[in-house]
């Protein structure tokens, strides 16, 4: 039976980093959690959430497909491209943030982009 990765395992790196530990960072192994990321040298911090999509059968609890990493940059970018997630991860891994800090960065993004048509 293929079971979903438990939440405490998915968040192990992030929780350790928030606690001030320096867990090993591997370029090709992005870790779930909340981080802040700059897209350029003088760019503002942006909120980054890396999570794991876990399609499962609600009756058996067994995975119905492979787990897949998904990264959310702010509330406007959803990325499943592993190379992009790895690149973002390397820049953000040493900048874990709390849930409250993530919410504050999201609110700042809303203020900054209010009235901007991102689709144009």
N, C-alpha and C. Protein backbone atom coordinates (compact mmCIF):
# COMPACT_ATOMS: atom_id res chain seq x y z
N UNK A 1 0.84 -1.19 0.00
CA UNK A 1 0.00 0.00 0.00
C UNK A 1 0.89 1.24 0.00
N UNK A 2 0.63 2.13 -0.92
CA UNK A 2 1.36 3.39 -0.99
C UNK A 2 0.63 4.43 -0.18
N UNK A 3 1.24 4.88 0.90
CA UNK A 3 0.59 5.87 1.76
C UNK A 3 1.22 7.25 1.54
N UNK A 4 0.43 8.31 1.70
CA UNK A 4 0.97 9.66 1.56
C UNK A 4 2.04 9.94 2.61
N UNK A 5 3.01 10.75 2.24
CA UNK A 5 4.05 11.17 3.18
C UNK A 5 3.38 11.96 4.31
N UNK A 6 3.60 11.56 5.58
CA UNK A 6 2.97 12.27 6.69
C UNK A 6 3.42 13.74 6.78
N UNK A 7 2.54 14.59 7.30
CA UNK A 7 2.80 16.02 7.39
C UNK A 7 4.07 16.30 8.20
N UNK A 8 4.28 15.60 9.31
CA UNK A 8 5.46 15.88 10.13
C UNK A 8 6.76 15.55 9.39
N UNK A 9 6.71 14.62 8.45
CA UNK A 9 7.89 14.28 7.64
C UNK A 9 8.09 15.35 6.57
N UNK A 10 7.00 15.76 5.92
CA UNK A 10 7.08 16.78 4.86
C UNK A 10 7.66 18.09 5.40
N UNK A 11 7.33 18.43 6.64
CA UNK A 11 7.72 19.73 7.20
C UNK A 11 8.99 19.67 8.06
N UNK A 12 9.67 18.55 8.05
CA UNK A 12 10.84 18.37 8.93
C UNK A 12 11.92 19.44 8.71
N UNK A 13 12.33 19.67 7.47
CA UNK A 13 13.37 20.66 7.17
C UNK A 13 12.92 22.04 7.63
N UNK A 14 11.71 22.43 7.23
CA UNK A 14 11.19 23.77 7.52
C UNK A 14 11.16 24.01 9.03
N UNK A 15 10.64 23.05 9.79
CA UNK A 15 10.57 23.21 11.25
C UNK A 15 11.96 23.30 11.87
N UNK A 16 12.88 22.50 11.39
CA UNK A 16 14.25 22.54 11.91
C UNK A 16 14.89 23.90 11.60
N UNK A 17 14.70 24.39 10.39
CA UNK A 17 15.27 25.68 10.00
C UNK A 17 14.66 26.82 10.82
N UNK A 18 13.35 26.76 11.08
CA UNK A 18 12.71 27.77 11.92
C UNK A 18 13.25 27.74 13.34
N UNK A 19 13.65 26.57 13.79
CA UNK A 19 14.18 26.41 15.15
C UNK A 19 15.63 26.87 15.25
N UNK A 20 16.20 27.35 14.15
CA UNK A 20 17.57 27.84 14.16
C UNK A 20 18.61 26.81 13.79
N UNK A 21 18.18 25.60 13.48
CA UNK A 21 19.12 24.58 13.04
C UNK A 21 19.52 24.88 11.59
N UNK A 22 20.57 24.24 11.13
CA UNK A 22 21.03 24.40 9.75
C UNK A 22 20.96 23.05 9.04
N UNK A 23 19.75 22.58 8.72
CA UNK A 23 19.66 21.27 8.06
C UNK A 23 20.33 21.31 6.68
N UNK A 24 20.80 20.16 6.26
CA UNK A 24 21.46 20.06 4.95
C UNK A 24 20.49 20.44 3.84
N UNK A 25 21.01 21.21 2.90
CA UNK A 25 20.23 21.64 1.74
C UNK A 25 20.81 20.97 0.51
N UNK A 26 19.96 20.26 -0.21
CA UNK A 26 20.39 19.58 -1.43
C UNK A 26 19.66 20.20 -2.62
N UNK A 27 20.44 20.56 -3.60
CA UNK A 27 19.94 21.26 -4.78
C UNK A 27 18.74 20.59 -5.43
N UNK A 28 18.75 19.26 -5.49
CA UNK A 28 17.70 18.55 -6.20
C UNK A 28 16.65 17.95 -5.26
N UNK A 29 16.55 18.49 -4.05
CA UNK A 29 15.61 17.96 -3.06
C UNK A 29 14.88 19.08 -2.33
N UNK A 30 14.01 19.82 -3.05
CA UNK A 30 13.27 20.90 -2.40
C UNK A 30 12.41 20.37 -1.25
N UNK A 31 12.30 21.15 -0.19
CA UNK A 31 11.57 20.73 0.99
C UNK A 31 10.32 21.58 1.20
N UNK A 32 9.26 20.93 1.61
CA UNK A 32 8.00 21.63 1.87
C UNK A 32 8.18 22.64 2.99
N UNK A 33 7.43 23.73 2.89
CA UNK A 33 7.47 24.74 3.94
C UNK A 33 7.16 26.11 3.39
N UNK A 34 7.29 27.09 4.26
CA UNK A 34 7.05 28.49 3.91
C UNK A 34 8.39 29.22 3.95
N UNK A 35 8.65 29.98 2.90
CA UNK A 35 9.93 30.66 2.76
C UNK A 35 9.70 32.04 2.17
N UNK A 36 10.75 32.87 2.22
CA UNK A 36 10.71 34.13 1.48
C UNK A 36 11.81 34.10 0.45
N UNK A 37 11.56 34.77 -0.67
CA UNK A 37 12.42 34.68 -1.83
C UNK A 37 12.51 36.04 -2.50
N UNK A 38 13.72 36.40 -2.92
CA UNK A 38 13.91 37.61 -3.73
C UNK A 38 14.17 37.17 -5.16
N UNK A 39 13.51 37.81 -6.09
CA UNK A 39 13.67 37.45 -7.50
C UNK A 39 14.78 38.26 -8.18
N UNK A 40 15.46 39.09 -7.42
CA UNK A 40 16.58 39.88 -7.92
C UNK A 40 17.26 40.56 -6.75
N UNK A 41 18.43 41.13 -6.98
CA UNK A 41 19.24 41.68 -5.90
C UNK A 41 18.48 42.69 -5.03
N UNK A 42 17.82 43.63 -5.61
CA UNK A 42 17.12 44.67 -4.84
C UNK A 42 15.61 44.48 -4.84
N UNK A 43 15.16 43.33 -5.28
CA UNK A 43 13.72 43.06 -5.35
C UNK A 43 13.16 42.85 -3.94
N UNK A 44 11.88 43.11 -3.77
CA UNK A 44 11.26 42.87 -2.45
C UNK A 44 11.14 41.36 -2.18
N UNK A 45 11.05 41.03 -0.90
CA UNK A 45 10.81 39.63 -0.53
C UNK A 45 9.43 39.21 -1.01
N UNK A 46 9.34 37.98 -1.49
CA UNK A 46 8.05 37.41 -1.91
C UNK A 46 7.82 36.13 -1.14
N UNK A 47 6.56 35.83 -0.83
CA UNK A 47 6.24 34.60 -0.11
C UNK A 47 6.30 33.39 -1.04
N UNK A 48 6.91 32.32 -0.56
CA UNK A 48 7.02 31.08 -1.33
C UNK A 48 6.54 29.93 -0.46
N UNK A 49 5.57 29.18 -0.97
CA UNK A 49 5.11 27.99 -0.27
C UNK A 49 5.40 26.79 -1.17
N UNK A 50 6.11 25.82 -0.61
CA UNK A 50 6.37 24.57 -1.32
C UNK A 50 5.58 23.49 -0.60
N UNK A 51 4.74 22.81 -1.35
CA UNK A 51 3.87 21.81 -0.76
C UNK A 51 3.90 20.54 -1.62
N UNK A 52 3.24 19.52 -1.13
CA UNK A 52 3.24 18.23 -1.82
C UNK A 52 1.79 17.85 -2.13
N UNK A 53 1.49 17.75 -3.43
CA UNK A 53 0.18 17.28 -3.85
C UNK A 53 0.14 15.77 -3.64
N UNK A 54 -0.89 15.31 -2.94
CA UNK A 54 -0.99 13.89 -2.60
C UNK A 54 -2.37 13.34 -2.97
N UNK A 55 -2.55 12.97 -4.24
CA UNK A 55 -3.85 12.41 -4.63
C UNK A 55 -4.05 11.04 -3.98
N UNK A 56 -5.14 10.91 -3.21
CA UNK A 56 -5.36 9.64 -2.51
C UNK A 56 -6.84 9.27 -2.51
N UNK A 57 -7.07 8.00 -2.31
CA UNK A 57 -8.42 7.45 -2.24
C UNK A 57 -8.96 7.73 -0.84
N UNK A 58 -10.11 8.41 -0.76
CA UNK A 58 -10.63 8.79 0.56
C UNK A 58 -11.13 7.59 1.36
N UNK A 59 -11.37 6.49 0.71
CA UNK A 59 -11.83 5.29 1.41
C UNK A 59 -10.65 4.51 1.99
N UNK A 60 -9.63 4.27 1.16
CA UNK A 60 -8.50 3.45 1.59
C UNK A 60 -7.34 4.26 2.16
N UNK A 61 -7.26 5.54 1.82
CA UNK A 61 -6.14 6.37 2.23
C UNK A 61 -4.90 6.14 1.40
N UNK A 62 -4.98 5.27 0.40
CA UNK A 62 -3.84 4.93 -0.44
C UNK A 62 -3.68 5.97 -1.55
N UNK A 63 -2.42 6.26 -1.89
CA UNK A 63 -2.14 7.17 -2.99
C UNK A 63 -2.71 6.60 -4.29
N UNK A 64 -3.32 7.46 -5.09
CA UNK A 64 -3.84 7.03 -6.38
C UNK A 64 -2.91 7.42 -7.52
N UNK A 65 -1.92 8.24 -7.22
CA UNK A 65 -0.93 8.68 -8.20
C UNK A 65 0.32 9.10 -7.43
N UNK A 66 1.38 9.44 -8.14
CA UNK A 66 2.61 9.88 -7.48
C UNK A 66 2.39 11.23 -6.79
N UNK A 67 3.09 11.42 -5.69
CA UNK A 67 3.10 12.71 -5.04
C UNK A 67 3.88 13.68 -5.93
N UNK A 68 3.48 14.96 -5.91
CA UNK A 68 4.13 15.95 -6.77
C UNK A 68 4.32 17.25 -6.00
N UNK A 69 5.55 17.79 -6.08
CA UNK A 69 5.81 19.09 -5.47
C UNK A 69 5.12 20.19 -6.25
N UNK A 70 4.59 21.15 -5.51
CA UNK A 70 3.99 22.34 -6.10
C UNK A 70 4.53 23.53 -5.33
N UNK A 71 4.94 24.57 -6.05
CA UNK A 71 5.39 25.80 -5.42
C UNK A 71 4.43 26.92 -5.77
N UNK A 72 4.12 27.72 -4.76
CA UNK A 72 3.26 28.89 -4.95
C UNK A 72 4.10 30.12 -4.62
N UNK A 73 4.30 30.98 -5.60
CA UNK A 73 5.03 32.22 -5.40
C UNK A 73 4.00 33.33 -5.31
N UNK A 74 3.83 33.86 -4.11
CA UNK A 74 2.73 34.79 -3.89
C UNK A 74 1.43 34.07 -4.12
N UNK A 75 0.43 34.79 -4.59
CA UNK A 75 -0.83 34.12 -4.91
C UNK A 75 -1.09 34.12 -6.41
N UNK A 76 -0.06 34.51 -7.19
CA UNK A 76 -0.30 34.61 -8.63
C UNK A 76 0.45 33.55 -9.45
N UNK A 77 1.39 32.83 -8.84
CA UNK A 77 2.17 31.85 -9.60
C UNK A 77 2.09 30.49 -8.92
N UNK A 78 1.63 29.49 -9.67
CA UNK A 78 1.61 28.09 -9.22
C UNK A 78 2.52 27.33 -10.16
N UNK A 79 3.52 26.65 -9.61
CA UNK A 79 4.54 26.01 -10.45
C UNK A 79 4.69 24.54 -10.08
N UNK A 80 4.68 23.67 -11.08
CA UNK A 80 4.94 22.24 -10.88
C UNK A 80 6.21 21.81 -11.63
N UNK A 81 6.89 22.74 -12.26
CA UNK A 81 8.10 22.45 -13.03
C UNK A 81 9.25 22.26 -12.04
N UNK A 82 9.75 21.04 -11.91
CA UNK A 82 10.71 20.70 -10.86
C UNK A 82 12.00 21.51 -10.95
N UNK A 83 12.48 21.82 -12.14
CA UNK A 83 13.71 22.60 -12.26
C UNK A 83 13.52 24.01 -11.69
N UNK A 84 12.36 24.61 -11.95
CA UNK A 84 12.06 25.93 -11.41
C UNK A 84 11.93 25.87 -9.89
N UNK A 85 11.23 24.85 -9.40
CA UNK A 85 11.07 24.70 -7.95
C UNK A 85 12.44 24.54 -7.29
N UNK A 86 13.32 23.75 -7.88
CA UNK A 86 14.67 23.56 -7.34
C UNK A 86 15.44 24.87 -7.30
N UNK A 87 15.33 25.67 -8.35
CA UNK A 87 16.03 26.96 -8.41
C UNK A 87 15.51 27.90 -7.32
N UNK A 88 14.18 27.98 -7.19
CA UNK A 88 13.58 28.81 -6.15
C UNK A 88 14.00 28.31 -4.77
N UNK A 89 13.98 26.99 -4.60
CA UNK A 89 14.32 26.36 -3.33
C UNK A 89 15.74 26.75 -2.90
N UNK A 90 16.69 26.68 -3.82
CA UNK A 90 18.07 27.01 -3.47
C UNK A 90 18.20 28.45 -2.98
N UNK A 91 17.43 29.35 -3.55
CA UNK A 91 17.47 30.76 -3.14
C UNK A 91 16.73 30.99 -1.82
N UNK A 92 15.71 30.18 -1.55
CA UNK A 92 14.85 30.43 -0.39
C UNK A 92 15.14 29.55 0.82
N UNK A 93 15.88 28.48 0.64
CA UNK A 93 16.05 27.47 1.70
C UNK A 93 16.55 28.05 3.01
N UNK A 94 17.40 29.05 2.97
CA UNK A 94 17.94 29.66 4.20
C UNK A 94 17.08 30.80 4.71
N UNK A 95 15.88 30.94 4.15
CA UNK A 95 14.98 32.01 4.58
C UNK A 95 13.60 31.46 4.94
N UNK A 96 13.53 30.51 5.88
CA UNK A 96 12.22 30.00 6.28
C UNK A 96 11.47 31.08 7.05
N UNK A 97 10.16 31.06 6.94
CA UNK A 97 9.34 32.05 7.66
C UNK A 97 8.18 31.35 8.35
N UNK A 98 7.65 32.00 9.36
CA UNK A 98 6.50 31.47 10.09
C UNK A 98 5.23 31.68 9.28
N UNK A 99 4.17 31.06 9.75
CA UNK A 99 2.86 31.23 9.10
C UNK A 99 2.46 32.71 9.15
N UNK A 100 2.70 33.38 10.27
CA UNK A 100 2.36 34.80 10.39
C UNK A 100 3.18 35.66 9.44
N UNK A 101 4.47 35.36 9.30
CA UNK A 101 5.32 36.10 8.36
C UNK A 101 4.85 35.87 6.93
N UNK A 102 4.46 34.64 6.63
CA UNK A 102 3.94 34.32 5.30
C UNK A 102 2.68 35.15 5.02
N UNK A 103 1.78 35.20 5.98
CA UNK A 103 0.54 35.98 5.82
C UNK A 103 0.85 37.46 5.61
N UNK A 104 1.84 37.98 6.34
CA UNK A 104 2.21 39.39 6.19
C UNK A 104 2.79 39.66 4.80
N UNK A 105 3.63 38.76 4.30
CA UNK A 105 4.17 38.93 2.96
C UNK A 105 3.08 38.83 1.89
N UNK A 106 2.12 37.95 2.11
CA UNK A 106 0.99 37.84 1.17
C UNK A 106 0.19 39.15 1.17
N UNK A 107 -0.05 39.70 2.35
CA UNK A 107 -0.79 40.97 2.44
C UNK A 107 -0.02 42.09 1.75
N UNK A 108 1.31 42.11 1.91
CA UNK A 108 2.14 43.11 1.24
C UNK A 108 2.05 42.95 -0.27
N UNK A 109 2.04 41.72 -0.76
CA UNK A 109 1.88 41.49 -2.20
C UNK A 109 0.55 42.04 -2.70
N UNK A 110 -0.51 41.82 -1.93
CA UNK A 110 -1.82 42.33 -2.33
C UNK A 110 -1.80 43.85 -2.42
N UNK A 111 -1.16 44.50 -1.45
CA UNK A 111 -1.08 45.97 -1.49
C UNK A 111 -0.24 46.43 -2.68
N UNK A 112 0.89 45.75 -2.93
CA UNK A 112 1.79 46.15 -3.99
C UNK A 112 1.16 45.97 -5.37
N UNK A 113 0.41 44.89 -5.55
CA UNK A 113 -0.15 44.61 -6.87
C UNK A 113 -1.61 45.01 -7.03
N UNK A 114 -2.17 45.68 -6.02
CA UNK A 114 -3.56 46.13 -6.12
C UNK A 114 -3.72 47.01 -7.37
N UNK A 115 -4.68 46.67 -8.17
CA UNK A 115 -4.96 47.45 -9.37
C UNK A 115 -4.07 47.12 -10.56
N UNK A 116 -3.10 46.23 -10.39
CA UNK A 116 -2.23 45.84 -11.51
C UNK A 116 -2.84 44.63 -12.19
N UNK A 117 -3.05 44.73 -13.49
CA UNK A 117 -3.59 43.62 -14.25
C UNK A 117 -2.43 42.74 -14.68
N UNK A 118 -2.23 41.62 -13.98
CA UNK A 118 -1.11 40.73 -14.29
C UNK A 118 -1.32 39.95 -15.58
N UNK A 119 -2.54 39.90 -16.07
CA UNK A 119 -2.83 39.17 -17.30
C UNK A 119 -2.55 40.02 -18.55
N UNK A 120 -2.39 41.29 -18.36
CA UNK A 120 -2.18 42.18 -19.52
C UNK A 120 -0.79 42.08 -20.08
